[in-house]
Amino acid sequence: MIEREFKLLLDANALKKIQIHYAFMAQGFMIVADGNPLETSKRDTREFKTLDGAAKFLFKYGVADFEVKLKTTH
């Protein structure tokens, strides 16, 4: 989902689970909302260099309750 869709779903209270995952291959972080990664307008996964950067992005949209997954394998 792109940022605009993310905002619309947030405004409608339609997102149940928001997580920040460590992206091992990119050595950074990505935001996952209800199992769907946040994407750029070109449909590439939106990557954040730091956990702090991903958290600031979520705070910008009023999200203060989210999970952090540093290891995504079970």
PDB file of N, CA and C in Angstrom:
ATOM      1  N   MET A   1       0.839  -1.183   0.000  1.00  0.00           N
ATOM      2  CA  MET A   1       0.000   0.000   0.000  1.00  0.00           C
ATOM      3  C   MET A   1       0.876   1.236   0.000  1.00  0.00           C
ATOM      4  N   ILE A   2       0.471   2.219  -0.754  1.00  0.00           N
ATOM      5  CA  ILE A   2       1.229   3.468  -0.811  1.00  0.00           C
ATOM      6  C   ILE A   2       0.802   4.380   0.340  1.00  0.00           C
ATOM      7  N   GLU A   3       1.560   5.440   0.542  1.00  0.00           N
ATOM      8  CA  GLU A   3       1.338   6.329   1.685  1.00  0.00           C
ATOM      9  C   GLU A   3      -0.082   6.899   1.716  1.00  0.00           C
ATOM     10  N   ARG A   4      -0.624   7.261   0.579  1.00  0.00           N
ATOM     11  CA  ARG A   4      -1.978   7.825   0.522  1.00  0.00           C
ATOM     12  C   ARG A   4      -3.014   6.798   1.012  1.00  0.00           C
ATOM     13  N   GLU A   5      -2.862   5.538   0.559  1.00  0.00           N
ATOM     14  CA  GLU A   5      -3.776   4.481   1.019  1.00  0.00           C
ATOM     15  C   GLU A   5      -3.632   4.252   2.518  1.00  0.00           C
ATOM     16  N   PHE A   6      -2.391   4.275   2.992  1.00  0.00           N
ATOM     17  CA  PHE A   6      -2.114   4.106   4.417  1.00  0.00           C
ATOM     18  C   PHE A   6      -2.843   5.167   5.233  1.00  0.00           C
ATOM     19  N   LYS A   7      -2.738   6.418   4.798  1.00  0.00           N
ATOM     20  CA  LYS A   7      -3.402   7.521   5.506  1.00  0.00           C
ATOM     21  C   LYS A   7      -4.920   7.363   5.493  1.00  0.00           C
ATOM     22  N   LEU A   8      -5.491   6.987   4.347  1.00  0.00           N
ATOM     23  CA  LEU A   8      -6.944   6.791   4.256  1.00  0.00           C
ATOM     24  C   LEU A   8      -7.415   5.685   5.195  1.00  0.00           C
ATOM     25  N   LEU A   9      -6.677   4.588   5.238  1.00  0.00           N
ATOM     26  CA  LEU A   9      -7.041   3.484   6.127  1.00  0.00           C
ATOM     27  C   LEU A   9      -6.896   3.878   7.592  1.00  0.00           C
ATOM     28  N   LEU A  10      -5.860   4.654   7.905  1.00  0.00           N
ATOM     29  CA  LEU A  10      -5.710   5.145   9.286  1.00  0.00           C
ATOM     30  C   LEU A  10      -6.881   6.041   9.677  1.00  0.00           C
ATOM     31  N   ASP A  11      -7.241   6.965   8.784  1.00  0.00           N
ATOM     32  CA  ASP A  11      -8.344   7.891   9.068  1.00  0.00           C
ATOM     33  C   ASP A  11      -9.662   7.155   9.268  1.00  0.00           C
ATOM     34  N   ALA A  12      -9.821   6.017   8.599  1.00  0.00           N
ATOM     35  CA  ALA A  12     -11.043   5.231   8.713  1.00  0.00           C
ATOM     36  C   ALA A  12     -10.958   4.204   9.850  1.00  0.00           C
ATOM     37  N   ASN A  13      -9.866   4.235  10.613  1.00  0.00           N
ATOM     38  CA  ASN A  13      -9.631   3.245  11.685  1.00  0.00           C
ATOM     39  C   ASN A  13      -9.747   1.819  11.168  1.00  0.00           C
ATOM     40  N   ALA A  14      -9.261   1.585   9.961  1.00  0.00           N
ATOM     41  CA  ALA A  14      -9.396   0.275   9.326  1.00  0.00           C
ATOM     42  C   ALA A  14      -8.150  -0.596   9.489  1.00  0.00           C
ATOM     43  N   LEU A  15      -7.084  -0.067  10.072  1.00  0.00           N
ATOM     44  CA  LEU A  15      -5.871  -0.860  10.264  1.00  0.00           C
ATOM     45  C   LEU A  15      -5.854  -1.426  11.675  1.00  0.00           C
ATOM     46  N   LYS A  16      -5.612  -2.725  11.767  1.00  0.00           N
ATOM     47  CA  LYS A  16      -5.640  -3.391  13.063  1.00  0.00           C
ATOM     48  C   LYS A  16      -4.243  -3.586  13.653  1.00  0.00           C
ATOM     49  N   LYS A  17      -3.239  -3.813  12.794  1.00  0.00           N
ATOM     50  CA  LYS A  17      -1.904  -4.128  13.290  1.00  0.00           C
ATOM     51  C   LYS A  17      -0.842  -3.413  12.455  1.00  0.00           C
ATOM     52  N   ILE A  18      -0.053  -2.585  13.112  1.00  0.00           N
ATOM     53  CA  ILE A  18       1.024  -1.865  12.440  1.00  0.00           C
ATOM     54  C   ILE A  18       2.335  -2.298  13.084  1.00  0.00           C
ATOM     55  N   GLN A  19       3.278  -2.692  12.234  1.00  0.00           N
ATOM     56  CA  GLN A  19       4.561  -3.165  12.718  1.00  0.00           C
ATOM     57  C   GLN A  19       5.694  -2.480  11.962  1.00  0.00           C
ATOM     58  N   ILE A  20       6.842  -2.405  12.622  1.00  0.00           N
ATOM     59  CA  ILE A  20       8.071  -2.013  11.956  1.00  0.00           C
ATOM     60  C   ILE A  20       8.942  -3.262  11.946  1.00  0.00           C
ATOM     61  N   HIS A  21       9.325  -3.711  10.759  1.00  0.00           N
ATOM     62  CA  HIS A  21      10.159  -4.897  10.605  1.00  0.00           C
ATOM     63  C   HIS A  21      11.576  -4.498  10.230  1.00  0.00           C
ATOM     64  N   TYR A  22      12.528  -5.242  10.753  1.00  0.00           N
ATOM     65  CA  TYR A  22      13.898  -5.073  10.308  1.00  0.00           C
ATOM     66  C   TYR A  22      14.016  -5.764   8.953  1.00  0.00           C
ATOM     67  N   ALA A  23      14.480  -5.052   7.952  1.00  0.00           N
ATOM     68  CA  ALA A  23      14.638  -5.605   6.607  1.00  0.00           C
ATOM     69  C   ALA A  23      16.105  -5.994   6.443  1.00  0.00           C
ATOM     70  N   PHE A  24      16.399  -7.264   6.645  1.00  0.00           N
ATOM     71  CA  PHE A  24      17.774  -7.765   6.657  1.00  0.00           C
ATOM     72  C   PHE A  24      18.522  -7.440   5.365  1.00  0.00           C
ATOM     73  N   MET A  25      17.900  -7.688   4.223  1.00  0.00           N
ATOM     74  CA  MET A  25      18.573  -7.472   2.940  1.00  0.00           C
ATOM     75  C   MET A  25      18.897  -5.989   2.712  1.00  0.00           C
ATOM     76  N   ALA A  26      18.028  -5.120   3.152  1.00  0.00           N
ATOM     77  CA  ALA A  26      18.239  -3.678   2.968  1.00  0.00           C
ATOM     78  C   ALA A  26      19.012  -3.069   4.129  1.00  0.00           C
ATOM     79  N   GLN A  27      19.197  -3.848   5.192  1.00  0.00           N
ATOM     80  CA  GLN A  27      19.817  -3.374   6.422  1.00  0.00           C
ATOM     81  C   GLN A  27      19.168  -2.081   6.889  1.00  0.00           C
ATOM     82  N   GLY A  28      17.858  -2.105   6.919  1.00  0.00           N
ATOM     83  CA  GLY A  28      17.070  -0.976   7.373  1.00  0.00           C
ATOM     84  C   GLY A  28      15.744  -1.480   7.901  1.00  0.00           C
ATOM     85  N   PHE A  29      14.748  -0.640   7.877  1.00  0.00           N
ATOM     86  CA  PHE A  29      13.452  -0.980   8.452  1.00  0.00           C
ATOM     87  C   PHE A  29      12.340  -0.688   7.462  1.00  0.00           C
ATOM     88  N   MET A  30      11.236  -1.417   7.601  1.00  0.00           N
ATOM     89  CA  MET A  30      10.067  -1.181   6.769  1.00  0.00           C
ATOM     90  C   MET A  30       8.825  -1.237   7.639  1.00  0.00           C
ATOM     91  N   ILE A  31       7.783  -0.545   7.214  1.00  0.00           N
ATOM     92  CA  ILE A  31       6.521  -0.520   7.943  1.00  0.00           C
ATOM     93  C   ILE A  31       5.562  -1.496   7.283  1.00  0.00           C
ATOM     94  N   VAL A  32       4.929  -2.328   8.108  1.00  0.00           N
ATOM     95  CA  VAL A  32       3.964  -3.312   7.623  1.00  0.00           C
ATOM     96  C   VAL A  32       2.641  -3.063   8.339  1.00  0.00           C
ATOM     97  N   ALA A  33       1.583  -2.838   7.572  1.00  0.00           N
ATOM     98  CA  ALA A  33       0.254  -2.584   8.140  1.00  0.00           C
ATOM     99  C   ALA A  33      -0.686  -3.694   7.698  1.00  0.00           C
ATOM    100  N   ASP A  34      -1.205  -4.422   8.664  1.00  0.00           N
ATOM    101  CA  ASP A  34      -2.085  -5.566   8.397  1.00  0.00           C
ATOM    102  C   ASP A  34      -1.490  -6.510   7.352  1.00  0.00           C
ATOM    103  N   GLY A  35      -0.186  -6.757   7.460  1.00  0.00           N
ATOM    104  CA  GLY A  35       0.492  -7.697   6.575  1.00  0.00           C
ATOM    105  C   GLY A  35       0.956  -7.128   5.251  1.00  0.00           C
ATOM    106  N   ASN A  36       0.665  -5.859   4.977  1.00  0.00           N
ATOM    107  CA  ASN A  36       1.045  -5.231   3.709  1.00  0.00           C
ATOM    108  C   ASN A  36       2.135  -4.198   3.946  1.00  0.00           C
ATOM    109  N   PRO A  37       3.254  -4.313   3.221  1.00  0.00           N
ATOM    110  CA  PRO A  37       4.323  -3.329   3.413  1.00  0.00           C
ATOM    111  C   PRO A  37       3.960  -1.972   2.827  1.00  0.00           C
ATOM    112  N   LEU A  38       4.440  -0.932   3.480  1.00  0.00           N
ATOM    113  CA  LEU A  38       4.277   0.414   2.951  1.00  0.00           C
ATOM    114  C   LEU A  38       5.181   0.544   1.725  1.00  0.00           C
ATOM    115  N   GLU A  39       4.641   1.136   0.652  1.00  0.00           N
ATOM    116  CA  GLU A  39       5.377   1.222  -0.607  1.00  0.00           C
ATOM    117  C   GLU A  39       5.501   2.661  -1.081  1.00  0.00           C
ATOM    118  N   THR A  40       6.469   2.871  -1.964  1.00  0.00           N
ATOM    119  CA  THR A  40       6.619   4.165  -2.622  1.00  0.00           C
ATOM    120  C   THR A  40       5.576   4.251  -3.733  1.00  0.00           C
ATOM    121  N   SER A  41       5.479   5.404  -4.371  1.00  0.00           N
ATOM    122  CA  SER A  41       4.526   5.559  -5.472  1.00  0.00           C
ATOM    123  C   SER A  41       4.880   4.664  -6.659  1.00  0.00           C
ATOM    124  N   LYS A  42       6.138   4.205  -6.722  1.00  0.00           N
ATOM    125  CA  LYS A  42       6.563   3.288  -7.789  1.00  0.00           C
ATOM    126  C   LYS A  42       6.374   1.824  -7.385  1.00  0.00           C
ATOM    127  N   ARG A  43       5.715   1.606  -6.262  1.00  0.00           N
ATOM    128  CA  ARG A  43       5.397   0.278  -5.729  1.00  0.00           C
ATOM    129  C   ARG A  43       6.619  -0.508  -5.252  1.00  0.00           C
ATOM    130  N   ASP A  44       7.686   0.206  -4.891  1.00  0.00           N
ATOM    131  CA  ASP A  44       8.831  -0.419  -4.232  1.00  0.00           C
ATOM    132  C   ASP A  44       8.592  -0.307  -2.731  1.00  0.00           C
ATOM    133  N   THR A  45       9.103  -1.265  -1.977  1.00  0.00           N
ATOM    134  CA  THR A  45       8.946  -1.203  -0.525  1.00  0.00           C
ATOM    135  C   THR A  45       9.643   0.041   0.012  1.00  0.00           C
ATOM    136  N   ARG A  46       8.920   0.798   0.822  1.00  0.00           N
ATOM    137  CA  ARG A  46       9.482   2.015   1.430  1.00  0.00           C
ATOM    138  C   ARG A  46      10.427   1.584   2.531  1.00  0.00           C
ATOM    139  N   GLU A  47      11.676   2.005   2.450  1.00  0.00           N
ATOM    140  CA  GLU A  47      12.673   1.615   3.426  1.00  0.00           C
ATOM    141  C   GLU A  47      13.117   2.813   4.251  1.00  0.00           C
ATOM    142  N   PHE A  48      13.405   2.558   5.514  1.00  0.00           N
ATOM    143  CA  PHE A  48      13.883   3.572   6.442  1.00  0.00           C
ATOM    144  C   PHE A  48      15.242   3.110   6.949  1.00  0.00           C
ATOM    145  N   LYS A  49      16.204   4.003   7.010  1.00  0.00           N
ATOM    146  CA  LYS A  49      17.557   3.630   7.433  1.00  0.00           C
ATOM    147  C   LYS A  49      17.627   3.296   8.912  1.00  0.00           C
ATOM    148  N   THR A  50      16.757   3.948   9.699  1.00  0.00           N
ATOM    149  CA  THR A  50      16.797   3.726  11.150  1.00  0.00           C
ATOM    150  C   THR A  50      15.401   3.412  11.685  1.00  0.00           C
ATOM    151  N   LEU A  51      15.391   2.760  12.822  1.00  0.00           N
ATOM    152  CA  LEU A  51      14.135   2.493  13.521  1.00  0.00           C
ATOM    153  C   LEU A  51      13.486   3.815  13.919  1.00  0.00           C
ATOM    154  N   ASP A  52      14.316   4.764  14.316  1.00  0.00           N
ATOM    155  CA  ASP A  52      13.830   6.085  14.696  1.00  0.00           C
ATOM    156  C   ASP A  52      13.123   6.773  13.529  1.00  0.00           C
ATOM    157  N   GLY A  53      13.667   6.640  12.330  1.00  0.00           N
ATOM    158  CA  GLY A  53      13.051   7.243  11.141  1.00  0.00           C
ATOM    159  C   GLY A  53      11.685   6.650  10.843  1.00  0.00           C
ATOM    160  N   ALA A  54      11.559   5.328  10.985  1.00  0.00           N
ATOM    161  CA  ALA A  54      10.270   4.665  10.760  1.00  0.00           C
ATOM    162  C   ALA A  54       9.258   5.093  11.828  1.00  0.00           C
ATOM    163  N   ALA A  55       9.714   5.180  13.081  1.00  0.00           N
ATOM    164  CA  ALA A  55       8.822   5.603  14.164  1.00  0.00           C
ATOM    165  C   ALA A  55       8.363   7.044  13.964  1.00  0.00           C
ATOM    166  N   LYS A  56       9.256   7.921  13.538  1.00  0.00           N
ATOM    167  CA  LYS A  56       8.881   9.317  13.289  1.00  0.00           C
ATOM    168  C   LYS A  56       7.848   9.412  12.182  1.00  0.00           C
ATOM    169  N   PHE A  57       7.978   8.559  11.148  1.00  0.00           N
ATOM    170  CA  PHE A  57       6.984   8.531  10.077  1.00  0.00           C
ATOM    171  C   PHE A  57       5.610   8.172  10.642  1.00  0.00           C
ATOM    172  N   LEU A  58       5.562   7.146  11.506  1.00  0.00           N
ATOM    173  CA  LEU A  58       4.284   6.737  12.097  1.00  0.00           C
ATOM    174  C   LEU A  58       3.728   7.823  13.015  1.00  0.00           C
ATOM    175  N   PHE A  59       4.582   8.443  13.815  1.00  0.00           N
ATOM    176  CA  PHE A  59       4.133   9.524  14.704  1.00  0.00           C
ATOM    177  C   PHE A  59       3.534  10.676  13.906  1.00  0.00           C
ATOM    178  N   LYS A  60       4.099  10.939  12.718  1.00  0.00           N
ATOM    179  CA  LYS A  60       3.599  12.015  11.859  1.00  0.00           C
ATOM    180  C   LYS A  60       2.122  11.795  11.512  1.00  0.00           C
ATOM    181  N   TYR A  61       1.717  10.538  11.430  1.00  0.00           N
ATOM    182  CA  TYR A  61       0.325  10.207  11.118  1.00  0.00           C
ATOM    183  C   TYR A  61      -0.499   9.878  12.366  1.00  0.00           C
ATOM    184  N   GLY A  62       0.073  10.129  13.529  1.00  0.00           N
ATOM    185  CA  GLY A  62      -0.666   9.931  14.768  1.00  0.00           C
ATOM    186  C   GLY A  62      -0.658   8.514  15.291  1.00  0.00           C
ATOM    187  N   VAL A  63       0.216   7.672  14.761  1.00  0.00           N
ATOM    188  CA  VAL A  63       0.308   6.286  15.226  1.00  0.00           C
ATOM    189  C   VAL A  63       1.334   6.223  16.350  1.00  0.00           C
ATOM    190  N   ALA A  64       0.871   5.878  17.543  1.00  0.00           N
ATOM    191  CA  ALA A  64       1.763   5.775  18.688  1.00  0.00           C
ATOM    192  C   ALA A  64       1.831   4.346  19.215  1.00  0.00           C
ATOM    193  N   ASP A  65       0.986   3.470  18.692  1.00  0.00           N
ATOM    194  CA  ASP A  65       0.928   2.083  19.145  1.00  0.00           C
ATOM    195  C   ASP A  65       1.273   1.167  17.978  1.00  0.00           C
ATOM    196  N   PHE A  66       2.479   0.598  18.032  1.00  0.00           N
ATOM    197  CA  PHE A  66       2.915  -0.306  16.966  1.00  0.00           C
ATOM    198  C   PHE A  66       3.902  -1.305  17.550  1.00  0.00           C
ATOM    199  N   GLU A  67       4.144  -2.376  16.818  1.00  0.00           N
ATOM    200  CA  GLU A  67       5.067  -3.426  17.213  1.00  0.00           C
ATOM    201  C   GLU A  67       6.366  -3.274  16.451  1.00  0.00           C
ATOM    202  N   VAL A  68       7.457  -3.697  17.065  1.00  0.00           N
ATOM    203  CA  VAL A  68       8.745  -3.730  16.373  1.00  0.00           C
ATOM    204  C   VAL A  68       9.190  -5.186  16.296  1.00  0.00           C
ATOM    205  N   LYS A  69       9.466  -5.657  15.075  1.00  0.00           N
ATOM    206  CA  LYS A  69       9.918  -7.030  14.849  1.00  0.00           C
ATOM    207  C   LYS A  69      11.338  -6.956  14.315  1.00  0.00           C
ATOM    208  N   LEU A  70      12.301  -7.302  15.145  1.00  0.00           N
ATOM    209  CA  LEU A  70      13.693  -7.274  14.706  1.00  0.00           C
ATOM    210  C   LEU A  70      14.093  -8.554  14.001  1.00  0.00           C
ATOM    211  N   LYS A  71      13.381  -9.618  14.295  1.00  0.00           N
ATOM    212  CA  LYS A  71      13.628 -10.904  13.630  1.00  0.00           C
ATOM    213  C   LYS A  71      12.299 -11.369  13.059  1.00  0.00           C
ATOM    214  N   THR A  72      12.219 -11.485  11.745  1.00  0.00           N
ATOM    215  CA  THR A  72      10.924 -11.787  11.113  1.00  0.00           C
ATOM    216  C   THR A  72      10.730 -13.279  10.844  1.00  0.00           C
ATOM    217  N   THR A  73      11.729 -14.123  11.107  1.00  0.00           N
ATOM    218  CA  THR A  73      11.538 -15.561  10.955  1.00  0.00           C
ATOM    219  C   THR A  73      11.061 -16.122  12.278  1.00  0.00           C
ATOM    220  N   HIS A  74      10.365 -17.234  12.232  1.00  0.00           N
ATOM    221  CA  HIS A  74       9.785 -17.822  13.465  1.00  0.00           C
ATOM    222  C   HIS A  74      10.754 -18.687  14.180  1.00  0.00           C
TER     223      HIS A  74
END
